[in-house]
Amino acid sequence: MTPAMPELDQVQGVLEPAGFRILVRIPNLEAQMKRWAGLHMPDETRALEESAQLVGQVIAMGPDAYKDKTRFPTGDWCKVGDFVMIRAYSGTRFVMHSAEGKPTIYALINDDTVQGVVKGDIAEIERP
């Protein structure tokens, strides 16, 4: 069963991943910013850091994601709802704004771009 994803409601009807692509939501830096107590980051720097994040949450999968049994003999590497590790700046990244005007960064990545599934707290993962 697919978990409820409020972001999917925003994206559905506007964009669905095609072929072997996976749609991921790039989380904002709020969790990490709490750990960096007292650090002020200009909006431009924050936007650059958020777009380079290494973790994304799987929102939707294209119809051909992980269907190649030769390349993926053990099946899917991730599922909708998982937080996955990806390379910085990987995929086609874009921003959508909520009805309140809050920006959310998304990326369309290839199924073989997933480098791991995050099992712990995503706030512990940051770029060096």
Protein backbone atom coordinates (compact mmCIF):
# COMPACT_ATOMS: atom_id res chain seq x y z
CA MET A 1 0.00 0.00 0.00
CA THR A 2 1.28 3.48 -0.87
CA PRO A 3 1.61 5.74 2.20
CA ALA A 4 -0.30 9.04 2.18
CA MET A 5 1.96 11.69 0.69
CA PRO A 6 0.59 15.25 0.85
CA GLU A 7 3.27 16.31 -1.64
CA LEU A 8 1.89 13.86 -4.17
CA ASP A 9 -1.45 15.69 -4.08
CA GLN A 10 0.40 18.87 -5.09
CA VAL A 11 2.38 17.19 -7.87
CA GLN A 12 -0.26 14.78 -9.23
CA GLY A 13 -1.95 16.09 -12.31
CA VAL A 14 1.04 18.33 -12.96
CA LEU A 15 3.83 15.77 -13.23
CA GLU A 16 4.12 12.00 -13.15
CA PRO A 17 7.49 10.30 -13.62
CA ALA A 18 7.85 8.61 -17.01
CA GLY A 19 9.63 5.37 -17.83
CA PHE A 20 12.28 4.41 -15.30
CA ARG A 21 12.30 7.78 -13.51
CA ILE A 22 11.61 8.32 -9.80
CA LEU A 23 10.17 11.54 -8.37
CA VAL A 24 11.78 12.57 -5.07
CA ARG A 25 11.10 15.50 -2.76
CA ILE A 26 14.23 17.18 -1.46
CA PRO A 27 13.72 18.02 2.23
CA ASN A 28 14.49 21.54 3.37
CA LEU A 29 17.32 22.27 5.78
CA GLU A 30 15.18 22.89 8.88
CA ALA A 31 16.27 19.72 10.69
CA GLN A 32 19.96 20.39 10.09
CA MET A 33 19.61 24.11 10.86
CA LYS A 34 18.39 23.18 14.38
CA ARG A 35 21.67 21.34 14.92
CA TRP A 36 23.65 24.37 13.69
CA ALA A 37 22.37 26.52 16.56
CA GLY A 38 22.76 30.23 15.97
CA LEU A 39 23.90 29.90 12.36
CA HIS A 40 22.30 32.41 10.02
CA MET A 41 22.28 31.45 6.37
CA PRO A 42 21.40 33.97 3.65
CA ASP A 43 18.45 32.92 1.46
CA GLU A 44 20.66 32.45 -1.62
CA THR A 45 23.09 30.18 0.25
CA ARG A 46 20.23 28.24 1.81
CA ALA A 47 18.66 27.67 -1.63
CA LEU A 48 21.98 26.40 -3.01
CA GLU A 49 22.49 24.07 -0.05
CA GLU A 50 18.95 22.70 -0.29
CA SER A 51 19.30 22.01 -4.02
CA ALA A 52 22.52 20.06 -3.34
CA GLN A 53 21.01 17.81 -0.65
CA LEU A 54 22.03 14.16 -0.69
CA VAL A 55 18.71 12.78 0.57
CA GLY A 56 15.29 12.76 -1.05
CA GLN A 57 11.95 11.17 -0.23
CA VAL A 58 10.44 8.97 -2.92
CA ILE A 59 7.09 10.48 -3.95
CA ALA A 60 6.25 8.46 -7.08
CA MET A 61 7.82 5.91 -9.43
CA GLY A 62 7.52 5.69 -13.19
CA PRO A 63 5.86 2.60 -14.67
CA ASP A 64 9.19 1.08 -15.76
CA ALA A 65 11.20 1.77 -12.58
CA TYR A 66 13.06 -1.39 -11.53
CA LYS A 67 11.31 -3.53 -14.18
CA ASP A 68 14.58 -4.57 -15.90
CA LYS A 69 15.21 -7.94 -14.23
CA THR A 70 18.74 -8.12 -15.67
CA ARG A 71 19.77 -4.87 -13.95
CA PHE A 72 17.63 -5.34 -10.84
CA PRO A 73 17.50 -9.13 -10.22
CA THR A 74 16.56 -8.65 -6.55
CA GLY A 75 13.72 -6.23 -7.32
CA ASP A 76 13.09 -2.63 -6.32
CA TRP A 77 15.84 -0.79 -4.47
CA CYS A 78 13.31 1.51 -2.75
CA LYS A 79 9.60 2.22 -2.43
CA VAL A 80 7.31 5.25 -2.22
CA GLY A 81 7.82 6.93 1.15
CA ASP A 82 11.47 5.88 1.57
CA PHE A 83 14.21 8.43 2.10
CA VAL A 84 17.01 7.62 -0.32
CA MET A 85 20.62 8.72 -0.74
CA ILE A 86 21.39 10.31 -4.12
CA ARG A 87 24.34 12.25 -5.50
CA ALA A 88 24.34 16.02 -4.98
CA TYR A 89 22.64 17.83 -7.86
CA SER A 90 21.58 14.54 -9.48
CA GLY A 91 18.48 14.35 -11.64
CA THR A 92 16.35 17.09 -13.08
CA ARG A 93 15.61 19.42 -10.16
CA PHE A 94 12.71 21.86 -10.07
CA VAL A 95 10.67 23.89 -7.59
CA MET A 96 6.91 23.92 -7.05
CA HIS A 97 5.15 26.34 -4.71
CA SER A 98 2.33 25.37 -2.36
CA ALA A 99 -0.92 27.33 -2.19
CA GLU A 100 0.71 29.25 0.67
CA GLY A 101 3.67 30.09 -1.57
CA LYS A 102 6.15 27.79 0.21
CA PRO A 103 8.71 26.39 -2.27
CA THR A 104 9.46 22.66 -2.39
CA ILE A 105 12.36 21.21 -4.38
CA TYR A 106 11.78 18.01 -6.35
CA ALA A 107 14.02 15.90 -8.55
CA LEU A 108 13.36 13.35 -11.27
CA ILE A 109 16.10 10.74 -10.98
CA ASN A 110 16.84 7.48 -12.78
CA ASP A 111 16.02 4.28 -10.88
CA ASP A 112 19.71 3.31 -10.78
CA THR A 113 20.62 6.69 -9.22
CA VAL A 114 19.45 5.52 -5.79
CA GLN A 115 22.61 4.78 -3.82
CA GLY A 116 20.99 3.65 -0.59
CA VAL A 117 17.90 3.77 1.60
CA VAL A 118 18.23 5.90 4.72
CA LYS A 119 17.15 3.96 7.81
CA GLY A 120 18.05 6.56 10.44
CA ASP A 121 17.49 10.27 10.99
CA ILE A 122 17.98 12.22 7.77
CA ALA A 123 19.14 15.22 9.83
CA GLU A 124 22.34 13.29 10.57
CA ILE A 125 23.31 13.26 6.88
CA GLU A 126 24.93 16.37 5.49
CA ARG A 127 27.33 17.19 2.71
CA PRO A 128 30.98 17.59 3.74
